[in-house]
N, C-alpha and C. Protein backbone atom coordinates (compact mmCIF):
# COMPACT_ATOMS: atom_id res chain seq x y z
N UNK A 1 168.47 130.09 117.84
CA UNK A 1 167.10 129.72 118.44
C UNK A 1 165.74 130.87 118.62
N UNK A 2 166.57 132.25 118.67
CA UNK A 2 165.45 133.38 118.67
C UNK A 2 164.82 132.94 117.60
N UNK A 3 165.15 133.00 116.22
CA UNK A 3 164.62 132.86 114.96
C UNK A 3 163.49 131.59 115.16
N UNK A 4 163.81 130.57 115.90
CA UNK A 4 163.05 129.46 115.95
C UNK A 4 162.13 129.51 116.67
N UNK A 5 162.07 130.92 117.68
CA UNK A 5 160.81 130.94 118.63
C UNK A 5 160.06 131.75 117.89
N UNK A 6 160.45 132.24 116.83
CA UNK A 6 159.78 133.29 116.29
C UNK A 6 158.85 132.51 115.03
N UNK A 7 159.43 131.53 114.39
CA UNK A 7 159.05 130.90 113.30
C UNK A 7 157.82 129.99 113.66
N UNK A 8 157.73 128.96 114.85
CA UNK A 8 157.04 128.10 115.24
C UNK A 8 155.55 128.84 115.69
N UNK A 9 155.52 130.05 116.28
CA UNK A 9 153.94 130.60 116.26
C UNK A 9 153.70 131.00 115.13
N UNK A 10 154.63 131.46 113.94
CA UNK A 10 154.23 131.78 112.76
C UNK A 10 153.51 130.54 111.97
N UNK A 11 154.51 129.51 112.05
CA UNK A 11 153.65 127.91 111.16
C UNK A 11 152.18 127.84 111.78
N UNK A 12 152.28 127.84 113.44
CA UNK A 12 151.37 127.56 113.50
C UNK A 12 149.84 128.23 113.42
N UNK A 13 150.06 129.38 113.29
CA UNK A 13 149.15 130.44 112.74
C UNK A 13 148.71 129.96 110.82
N UNK A 14 149.51 129.66 110.52
CA UNK A 14 149.30 129.36 108.76
C UNK A 14 148.66 128.19 108.97
N UNK A 15 149.13 127.28 110.18
CA UNK A 15 148.33 126.06 109.68
C UNK A 15 146.40 126.01 110.22
N UNK A 16 146.53 126.89 111.86
CA UNK A 16 144.91 127.10 111.71
C UNK A 16 144.48 127.92 110.65
N UNK A 17 144.68 128.76 109.95
CA UNK A 17 144.09 129.65 108.84
C UNK A 17 144.20 128.25 107.85
N UNK A 18 144.96 127.90 107.67
CA UNK A 18 145.09 126.91 106.32
C UNK A 18 143.89 125.43 106.53
N UNK A 19 143.45 125.67 107.69
CA UNK A 19 142.26 124.44 108.14
C UNK A 19 143.00 123.25 108.79
N UNK A 20 143.89 123.08 109.08
CA UNK A 20 144.55 121.59 109.50
C UNK A 20 144.76 121.99 110.47
N UNK A 21 143.61 121.63 111.18
CA UNK A 21 143.82 121.53 113.07
C UNK A 21 143.98 120.21 113.73
N UNK A 22 144.05 119.22 112.36
CA UNK A 22 144.84 117.92 112.94
C UNK A 22 143.34 116.54 112.97
N UNK A 23 142.30 117.63 113.17
CA UNK A 23 140.48 116.72 112.84
C UNK A 23 140.46 116.81 111.83
N UNK A 24 139.70 115.51 111.33
CA UNK A 24 139.08 115.40 109.87
C UNK A 24 137.98 116.43 109.94
N UNK A 25 138.07 116.74 108.57
CA UNK A 25 136.67 117.79 108.33
C UNK A 25 135.73 116.95 107.62
N UNK A 26 134.73 117.11 107.63
CA UNK A 26 133.37 116.87 107.42
C UNK A 26 133.38 117.27 105.82
N UNK A 27 132.69 116.77 104.52
CA UNK A 27 132.66 116.97 103.59
C UNK A 27 131.75 117.89 103.42
N UNK A 28 131.76 119.11 102.83
CA UNK A 28 131.18 119.88 102.60
C UNK A 28 129.76 119.69 102.51
N UNK A 29 128.07 119.38 102.37
CA UNK A 29 127.20 119.52 101.24
C UNK A 29 127.28 117.81 101.38
N UNK A 30 127.24 116.80 102.19
CA UNK A 30 127.42 115.72 101.96
C UNK A 30 126.00 115.48 102.68
N UNK A 31 124.87 114.81 102.16
CA UNK A 31 124.04 114.57 102.77
C UNK A 31 123.78 113.04 102.50
N UNK A 32 122.64 112.47 103.59
CA UNK A 32 122.26 111.16 103.12
C UNK A 32 121.02 111.10 102.80
N UNK A 33 121.00 110.48 101.29
CA UNK A 33 119.42 110.05 101.23
C UNK A 33 118.73 108.86 101.52
N UNK A 34 117.85 109.18 101.99
CA UNK A 34 117.33 107.51 102.23
C UNK A 34 115.78 107.45 101.30
N UNK A 35 115.35 106.63 100.89
CA UNK A 35 114.43 105.84 100.02
C UNK A 35 114.07 105.29 100.83
N UNK A 36 112.65 105.69 101.00
CA UNK A 36 112.02 104.59 101.59
C UNK A 36 110.39 104.09 100.04
N UNK A 37 110.55 103.15 100.58
CA UNK A 37 109.45 102.30 99.49
C UNK A 37 107.99 102.85 100.07
N UNK A 38 107.31 103.06 98.97
CA UNK A 38 105.67 103.30 99.30
C UNK A 38 104.86 102.15 100.07
N UNK A 39 104.51 102.36 101.25
CA UNK A 39 104.10 100.87 102.50
C UNK A 39 103.39 100.71 101.59
N UNK A 40 102.61 101.04 100.72
CA UNK A 40 101.56 99.90 99.87
C UNK A 40 101.60 99.51 98.69
N UNK A 41 102.97 99.74 97.85
CA UNK A 41 103.26 99.54 97.08
C UNK A 41 103.28 97.85 96.81
N UNK A 42 102.79 96.99 96.06
CA UNK A 42 102.81 95.30 96.69
C UNK A 42 104.04 95.25 95.60
N UNK A 43 104.69 93.71 95.93
CA UNK A 43 105.61 93.01 95.53
C UNK A 43 105.15 92.02 94.71
N UNK A 44 106.57 90.97 94.52
CA UNK A 44 106.36 90.22 93.67
C UNK A 44 105.95 88.91 95.39
N UNK A 45 105.23 88.15 94.33
CA UNK A 45 105.09 86.29 95.89
C UNK A 45 105.81 85.34 95.34
N UNK A 46 105.72 84.25 96.25
CA UNK A 46 106.85 83.15 95.79
C UNK A 46 105.60 81.83 95.05
N UNK A 47 106.14 81.19 94.18
CA UNK A 47 105.25 80.17 94.20
C UNK A 47 105.10 78.86 94.83
N UNK A 48 104.39 78.14 95.39
CA UNK A 48 104.48 77.14 96.14
C UNK A 48 104.21 75.75 95.32
N UNK A 49 105.27 74.88 95.77
CA UNK A 49 105.07 73.23 95.00
C UNK A 49 103.63 73.25 95.34
N UNK A 50 102.41 72.17 94.40
CA UNK A 50 101.32 72.02 94.86
C UNK A 50 101.10 71.37 96.31
N UNK A 51 102.11 70.51 96.45
CA UNK A 51 101.82 69.52 97.47
C UNK A 51 102.03 70.22 99.04
N UNK A 52 102.15 71.50 98.68
CA UNK A 52 102.54 72.72 100.10
C UNK A 52 101.36 73.38 99.99
N UNK A 53 100.66 73.43 98.98
CA UNK A 53 99.53 75.17 98.67
C UNK A 53 98.40 74.90 99.63
N UNK A 54 98.56 75.96 100.38
CA UNK A 54 97.64 76.48 100.99
C UNK A 54 96.47 77.79 100.51
N UNK A 55 95.39 77.65 101.03
CA UNK A 55 94.47 78.66 100.78
C UNK A 55 94.47 79.64 101.77
N UNK A 56 94.66 81.26 100.98
CA UNK A 56 94.17 81.98 101.96
C UNK A 56 93.98 83.33 101.60
N UNK A 57 92.77 84.13 102.16
CA UNK A 57 92.05 84.88 101.15
C UNK A 57 91.97 86.34 102.33
N UNK A 58 91.97 87.03 101.27
CA UNK A 58 91.55 88.74 101.81
C UNK A 58 90.36 89.75 101.62
N UNK A 59 89.73 89.79 102.08
CA UNK A 59 88.77 90.22 102.67
C UNK A 59 88.49 91.87 102.14
N UNK A 60 87.46 92.07 101.23
CA UNK A 60 87.26 93.60 101.03
C UNK A 60 87.29 94.39 102.23
N UNK A 61 87.62 95.44 102.31
CA UNK A 61 87.59 96.52 103.73
C UNK A 61 86.18 96.86 103.62
N UNK A 62 85.62 96.65 104.93
CA UNK A 62 84.24 97.49 105.26
C UNK A 62 84.45 99.03 104.78
N UNK A 63 83.48 99.52 104.24
CA UNK A 63 83.42 100.17 103.95
C UNK A 63 83.12 101.57 104.80
N UNK A 64 82.60 101.33 105.97
CA UNK A 64 82.15 102.28 107.16
C UNK A 64 83.04 101.78 108.27
N UNK A 65 83.84 100.77 108.61
CA UNK A 65 84.68 100.32 109.91
C UNK A 65 86.14 100.36 109.05
N UNK A 66 86.33 100.36 107.94
CA UNK A 66 87.83 99.64 107.41
C UNK A 66 88.51 98.70 107.60
N UNK A 67 87.50 97.96 108.85
CA UNK A 67 88.43 96.58 109.03
C UNK A 67 88.62 95.64 107.68
N UNK A 68 88.95 94.50 107.93
CA UNK A 68 90.06 93.54 106.91
C UNK A 68 89.69 92.56 107.64
N UNK A 69 89.50 91.35 106.76
CA UNK A 69 89.69 89.89 107.77
C UNK A 69 90.98 89.33 106.81
N UNK A 70 91.83 88.53 107.06
CA UNK A 70 92.45 87.40 106.15
C UNK A 70 92.01 86.44 107.09
N UNK A 71 91.99 85.17 106.03
CA UNK A 71 91.40 83.98 106.70
C UNK A 71 92.21 82.76 105.78
N UNK A 72 92.52 81.85 106.88
CA UNK A 72 92.95 80.59 106.63
C UNK A 72 91.93 79.34 106.15
N UNK A 73 91.95 79.10 104.47
CA UNK A 73 90.82 77.85 104.64
C UNK A 73 91.45 77.07 104.43
N UNK A 74 92.52 76.21 104.13
CA UNK A 74 93.26 75.13 103.87
C UNK A 74 94.17 74.84 102.95
N UNK A 75 93.89 73.45 102.55
CA UNK A 75 94.67 73.23 101.47
C UNK A 75 95.54 72.45 101.55
N UNK A 76 96.19 71.52 100.26
CA UNK A 76 96.85 70.36 100.71
C UNK A 76 97.92 70.02 101.34
N UNK A 77 98.83 71.51 101.54
CA UNK A 77 99.88 71.28 102.32
C UNK A 77 99.81 71.68 103.73
N UNK A 78 98.18 72.25 104.44
CA UNK A 78 97.86 72.53 105.41
C UNK A 78 98.34 71.45 106.63
N UNK A 79 98.57 70.48 106.70
CA UNK A 79 99.25 69.40 107.84
C UNK A 79 100.57 70.20 107.79
N UNK A 80 101.81 70.71 106.28
CA UNK A 80 103.07 70.44 106.86
C UNK A 80 103.28 72.16 107.04
N UNK A 81 102.41 72.91 107.43
CA UNK A 81 102.29 74.51 107.95
C UNK A 81 102.52 74.99 109.46
N UNK A 82 103.95 75.87 109.66
CA UNK A 82 103.62 75.66 111.00
C UNK A 82 103.47 77.05 111.35
N UNK A 83 103.58 77.93 110.51
CA UNK A 83 103.37 79.41 111.10
C UNK A 83 102.86 79.90 110.13
N UNK A 84 101.49 80.81 110.41
CA UNK A 84 101.66 81.85 108.94
C UNK A 84 101.25 83.40 109.77
N UNK A 85 101.92 84.21 108.86
CA UNK A 85 102.45 85.37 109.49
C UNK A 85 101.77 86.66 108.39
N UNK A 86 100.74 87.47 108.85
CA UNK A 86 99.89 88.51 108.25
C UNK A 86 100.39 90.03 108.77
N UNK A 87 101.40 90.71 107.34
CA UNK A 87 101.67 91.84 107.88
C UNK A 87 101.05 93.12 107.17
N UNK A 88 100.40 93.61 108.33
CA UNK A 88 99.11 94.85 107.27
C UNK A 88 99.94 96.38 107.91
N UNK A 89 100.18 97.03 106.38
CA UNK A 89 100.07 98.11 106.33
C UNK A 89 99.33 98.93 105.90
N UNK A 90 99.26 100.11 106.89
CA UNK A 90 98.16 101.50 106.63
C UNK A 90 98.59 102.29 105.45
N UNK A 91 97.54 102.77 105.14
CA UNK A 91 98.61 104.13 103.85
C UNK A 91 98.87 105.11 104.84
N UNK A 92 98.67 105.19 106.03
CA UNK A 92 99.13 106.09 107.07
C UNK A 92 101.00 105.60 107.52
N UNK A 93 101.19 104.36 106.84
CA UNK A 93 102.55 104.08 107.35
C UNK A 93 102.87 102.65 108.20
N UNK A 94 101.31 102.87 109.28
CA UNK A 94 101.33 101.64 110.56
C UNK A 94 101.45 100.57 110.21
N UNK A 95 102.03 99.75 111.18
CA UNK A 95 102.45 98.42 110.64
C UNK A 95 101.82 97.55 111.83
N UNK A 96 101.02 96.33 111.39
CA UNK A 96 100.36 95.27 112.76
C UNK A 96 100.95 94.04 111.81
N UNK A 97 101.50 92.99 112.97
CA UNK A 97 101.69 91.87 112.02
C UNK A 97 100.87 90.95 112.98
N UNK A 98 100.13 90.29 112.64
CA UNK A 98 99.21 88.86 113.37
C UNK A 98 99.44 87.88 112.67
N UNK A 99 99.86 86.55 113.79
CA UNK A 99 99.88 85.21 113.37
C UNK A 99 98.58 84.61 113.30
N UNK A 100 97.98 83.57 112.30
CA UNK A 100 97.04 82.87 112.07
C UNK A 100 97.83 81.63 112.13
N UNK A 101 96.77 80.48 112.96
CA UNK A 101 97.07 79.35 113.45
C UNK A 101 96.91 78.41 112.05
N UNK A 102 97.63 77.69 111.57
CA UNK A 102 97.15 76.97 110.42
C UNK A 102 95.85 75.71 110.35
N UNK A 103 95.03 76.35 111.16
CA UNK A 103 93.67 75.64 111.21
C UNK A 103 92.64 76.14 110.12
N UNK A 104 91.85 75.15 109.55
CA UNK A 104 90.89 76.19 108.39
C UNK A 104 89.92 76.71 109.33
N UNK A 105 89.48 78.14 108.74
CA UNK A 105 88.52 78.99 109.29
C UNK A 105 89.24 80.00 110.53
N UNK A 106 90.40 80.02 110.20
CA UNK A 106 91.34 81.31 111.57
C UNK A 106 91.34 82.41 111.02
N UNK A 107 90.86 83.50 111.55
CA UNK A 107 91.15 85.37 110.97
C UNK A 107 91.34 85.50 111.71
N UNK A 108 92.36 86.48 110.83
CA UNK A 108 93.34 88.06 111.46
C UNK A 108 92.81 89.30 111.26
N UNK A 109 91.63 89.86 111.87
CA UNK A 109 91.51 90.94 111.55
C UNK A 109 91.95 92.36 111.93
N UNK A 110 92.00 92.98 110.91
CA UNK A 110 92.96 94.40 111.04
C UNK A 110 91.82 95.64 110.72
N UNK A 111 92.51 96.63 111.67
CA UNK A 111 91.03 98.11 111.44
C UNK A 111 92.27 98.68 110.48
N UNK A 112 91.82 98.93 109.12
CA UNK A 112 92.61 99.50 107.94
C UNK A 112 92.40 101.70 108.07
N UNK A 113 92.99 101.57 106.99
CA UNK A 113 92.53 102.99 107.07
C UNK A 113 91.60 103.83 105.96
N UNK A 114 91.21 104.96 105.47
CA UNK A 114 90.29 104.89 104.09
C UNK A 114 90.92 104.95 102.91
N UNK A 115 92.33 105.26 103.13
CA UNK A 115 93.17 104.75 101.50
C UNK A 115 93.58 103.65 101.53
N UNK A 116 94.40 102.97 100.27
CA UNK A 116 94.68 101.74 100.19
C UNK A 116 95.57 101.54 100.87
N UNK A 117 95.72 100.19 101.86
CA UNK A 117 96.43 99.63 102.91
C UNK A 117 97.13 98.48 101.81
N UNK A 118 98.22 97.69 102.46
CA UNK A 118 98.44 96.71 102.08
C UNK A 118 98.59 95.40 103.14
N UNK A 119 97.94 94.00 102.29
CA UNK A 119 98.89 92.94 102.65
C UNK A 119 99.44 91.82 102.62
N UNK A 120 100.46 91.69 103.60
CA UNK A 120 101.21 90.50 103.30
C UNK A 120 100.83 89.48 104.22
N UNK A 121 101.60 88.33 103.12
CA UNK A 121 101.03 87.12 104.30
C UNK A 121 102.33 86.10 103.99
N UNK A 122 103.27 85.46 105.02
CA UNK A 122 104.28 84.34 104.89
C UNK A 122 103.43 83.28 105.09
N UNK A 123 103.77 82.16 104.56
CA UNK A 123 104.21 80.91 105.51
C UNK A 123 104.90 80.03 105.76
N UNK A 124 105.38 80.06 106.97
CA UNK A 124 106.17 79.02 107.30
C UNK A 124 105.75 77.68 107.31
N UNK A 125 106.80 76.88 106.66
CA UNK A 125 106.62 75.38 107.14
C UNK A 125 107.80 74.90 107.88
N UNK A 126 106.99 73.33 108.58
CA UNK A 126 108.06 72.65 109.61
C UNK A 126 109.44 72.12 109.15
N UNK A 127 109.83 72.42 107.74
CA UNK A 127 111.08 71.66 107.18
C UNK A 127 111.88 73.09 106.84
N UNK A 128 111.30 74.26 107.29
CA UNK A 128 112.23 75.37 107.32
C UNK A 128 111.95 76.91 106.09
N UNK A 129 110.97 76.31 104.90
CA UNK A 129 110.97 77.16 104.29
C UNK A 129 109.51 77.93 104.63
N UNK A 130 109.80 79.09 103.90
CA UNK A 130 109.45 80.58 104.40
C UNK A 130 108.81 80.49 102.71
N UNK A 131 107.60 80.85 102.60
CA UNK A 131 106.79 81.60 100.90
C UNK A 131 105.96 82.68 101.13
N UNK A 132 106.39 83.88 100.71
CA UNK A 132 105.36 85.00 100.58
C UNK A 132 104.42 84.59 99.85
N UNK A 133 103.50 84.55 100.04
CA UNK A 133 102.15 83.86 99.20
C UNK A 133 101.19 84.91 98.92
N UNK A 134 101.07 86.06 99.84
CA UNK A 134 100.02 87.23 99.29
C UNK A 134 101.06 88.62 99.25
N UNK A 135 101.10 89.74 98.66
CA UNK A 135 101.50 90.64 98.49
C UNK A 135 100.51 92.22 97.81
N UNK A 136 99.30 92.15 98.40
CA UNK A 136 98.45 92.53 97.79
C UNK A 136 97.82 94.22 98.41
N UNK A 137 97.84 95.55 97.49
CA UNK A 137 97.25 96.72 97.96
C UNK A 137 95.60 95.86 98.29
N UNK A 138 94.87 97.15 99.15
CA UNK A 138 93.65 96.66 99.41
C UNK A 138 93.04 97.75 99.69
N UNK A 139 91.94 98.58 98.70
CA UNK A 139 91.48 99.61 98.80
C UNK A 139 90.22 99.25 99.48
N UNK A 140 89.74 100.44 99.81
CA UNK A 140 87.88 100.55 100.44
C UNK A 140 86.99 100.58 99.27
N UNK A 141 86.34 99.94 99.54
CA UNK A 141 85.23 99.78 98.55
C UNK A 141 84.40 100.84 98.91
N UNK A 142 83.57 101.23 97.60
CA UNK A 142 82.62 102.45 98.33
C UNK A 142 81.25 102.07 98.09
N UNK A 143 80.52 102.87 99.19
CA UNK A 143 79.26 101.66 99.80
C UNK A 143 78.14 102.61 98.28
N UNK A 144 77.39 101.86 97.76
CA UNK A 144 76.46 102.54 97.12
C UNK A 144 75.16 102.93 97.69
N UNK A 145 74.94 103.93 97.03
CA UNK A 145 73.91 104.06 98.05
C UNK A 145 72.56 103.46 97.84
N UNK A 146 71.90 103.38 98.96
CA UNK A 146 70.24 102.26 99.23
C UNK A 146 69.62 102.91 98.82
N UNK A 147 69.41 104.43 98.64
CA UNK A 147 68.01 104.72 97.87
C UNK A 147 67.47 105.49 96.71
N UNK A 148 67.00 105.37 95.93
CA UNK A 148 66.42 105.98 94.95
C UNK A 148 65.41 106.80 94.88
N UNK A 149 65.97 108.04 94.20
CA UNK A 149 64.75 109.72 94.35
C UNK A 149 64.07 109.25 92.98
N UNK A 150 62.92 110.26 93.31
CA UNK A 150 61.92 109.64 92.25
C UNK A 150 61.86 111.19 91.28
């Protein structure tokens, strides 16, 4: 019994020195890398059947105020459209989402950045279909000087 009392503390010391404390150890040097896509990189778009086609235009950004208009212009499938969602992502990573009514002439205006921004447009139909119809980068156009030197 006396030998057992001497052996138990000795085993406990060896267990602690070996790092076996009963708690699972975290692997050393393990990190989680999150790869984030560039917010202005355009992706693929869907092809809409002709009978559901609509026209949506993305204007150039204003060179002074960096505003950008996205306009619904109608089309064959206008009466089938339930909703139009426009997602604007600035070069600073800030994202703004707006809805456009499927009525000819409806406009969503965004305040962009001096850099290259991104516009993504989804069209939702009453039957539940959803199409990504626009995914494009939008740069600020440069203004040409309006004066000449002689």
